Protein backbone atom coordinates (compact mmCIF):
# COMPACT_ATOMS: atom_id res chain seq x y z
CA MET A 1 78.70 73.08 128.83
CA ASP A 2 78.65 76.80 128.14
CA LYS A 3 80.32 77.65 131.47
CA LYS A 4 83.08 75.13 130.83
CA ASN A 5 83.87 76.65 127.45
CA ALA A 6 83.88 80.18 128.86
CA LEU A 7 86.13 79.11 131.73
CA ARG A 8 88.48 77.32 129.34
CA ALA A 9 88.64 80.37 127.03
CA GLY A 10 89.32 82.70 129.96
CA ALA A 11 92.07 80.46 131.33
CA LEU A 12 93.65 80.22 127.88
CA ALA A 13 93.57 84.00 127.41
CA ALA A 14 95.01 84.64 130.86
CA GLY A 15 97.74 82.04 130.37
CA THR A 16 98.66 83.42 126.97
CA THR A 17 98.82 86.98 128.32
CA LEU A 18 100.97 85.92 131.24
CA MET A 19 103.39 84.03 129.00
CA MET A 20 103.65 87.01 126.64
CA LEU A 21 104.46 89.33 129.55
CA LEU A 22 107.09 86.97 130.90
CA MET A 23 108.73 86.40 127.51
CA SER A 24 109.02 90.09 126.63
CA SER A 25 111.08 91.35 129.51
CA PRO A 26 112.42 94.90 129.22
CA ALA A 27 115.93 93.67 130.08
CA LEU A 28 116.26 92.37 126.52
CA ALA A 29 115.99 95.92 125.20
CA VAL A 30 119.34 96.88 126.73
CA THR A 31 121.43 94.72 124.43
CA ARG A 32 122.00 96.02 120.91
CA ASP A 33 121.52 93.89 117.82
CA ASP A 34 124.19 93.46 115.17
CA GLY A 35 123.92 96.30 112.68
CA ASP A 36 121.85 98.43 115.03
CA ASP A 37 122.87 102.01 114.31
CA PRO A 38 120.44 104.51 115.84
CA GLY A 39 120.56 108.05 114.51
CA SER A 40 120.66 111.24 116.48
CA SER A 41 117.63 112.11 118.57
CA LEU A 42 115.06 114.66 117.46
CA SER A 43 114.30 117.83 119.35
CA VAL A 44 110.77 118.67 120.48
CA VAL A 45 110.30 121.13 117.62
CA GLN A 46 111.52 118.62 115.04
CA THR A 47 109.25 115.92 116.46
CA LEU A 48 106.19 118.18 116.41
CA GLY A 49 107.01 119.33 112.90
CA LEU A 50 107.45 115.79 111.62
CA TYR A 51 104.49 114.13 113.31
CA VAL A 52 101.97 117.02 113.64
CA VAL A 53 102.64 119.88 111.23
CA LEU A 54 103.71 117.84 108.20
CA PRO A 55 100.65 115.53 108.17
CA ILE A 56 98.29 118.50 108.61
CA ALA A 57 100.03 120.35 105.77
CA LEU A 58 99.85 117.30 103.50
CA PHE A 59 96.15 116.90 104.31
CA ALA A 60 95.50 120.56 103.51
CA VAL A 61 97.34 120.34 100.18
CA ILE A 62 95.51 117.18 99.12
CA ALA A 63 92.12 118.56 100.25
CA GLY A 64 92.81 121.80 98.38
CA LEU A 65 93.71 119.96 95.19
CA VAL A 66 90.58 117.83 95.43
CA MET A 67 88.39 120.90 95.97
CA VAL A 68 89.93 122.83 93.09
CA LEU A 69 89.77 119.92 90.68
CA SER A 70 86.21 118.97 91.66
CA LYS A 71 84.93 122.55 91.25
CA SER A 72 86.38 122.89 87.77
CA GLY A 73 84.78 119.58 86.71
CA ASP A 74 81.35 120.48 88.18
CA ARG A 75 80.93 123.55 85.98
CA ASN A 76 81.12 121.55 82.78
CA GLN A 77 78.79 118.82 84.04
CA ASP A 78 76.16 121.24 85.45
CA THR A 79 75.66 123.03 82.14
CA GLY A 80 75.04 119.73 80.41
CA ARG A 81 72.48 118.66 82.99
CA ARG A 82 70.57 121.94 82.83
CA ALA A 83 70.35 121.81 79.06
CA ASP A 84 68.98 118.25 79.24
CA ALA A 85 66.43 119.16 81.90
CA LYS A 86 65.01 122.11 79.92
CA ALA A 87 64.72 120.11 76.71
């Protein structure tokens, strides 16, 4: 019974994949939809700036804010812990 189920699942997956490939032909991408208004294309520098430099800069700013805010909060909490430990 186990081989039958595996064979059935494999045939179903292969059939589904084949149907998906046949239904999504690239020829349909040539025709434009109503209201489709693409903008101007980006240059290589603009693309790198938008998808590489900007996310890295945002990560650095957020990480810097977290580090600065966590260091200022640790000083107040450490003094309270040390006083409790000595007493």
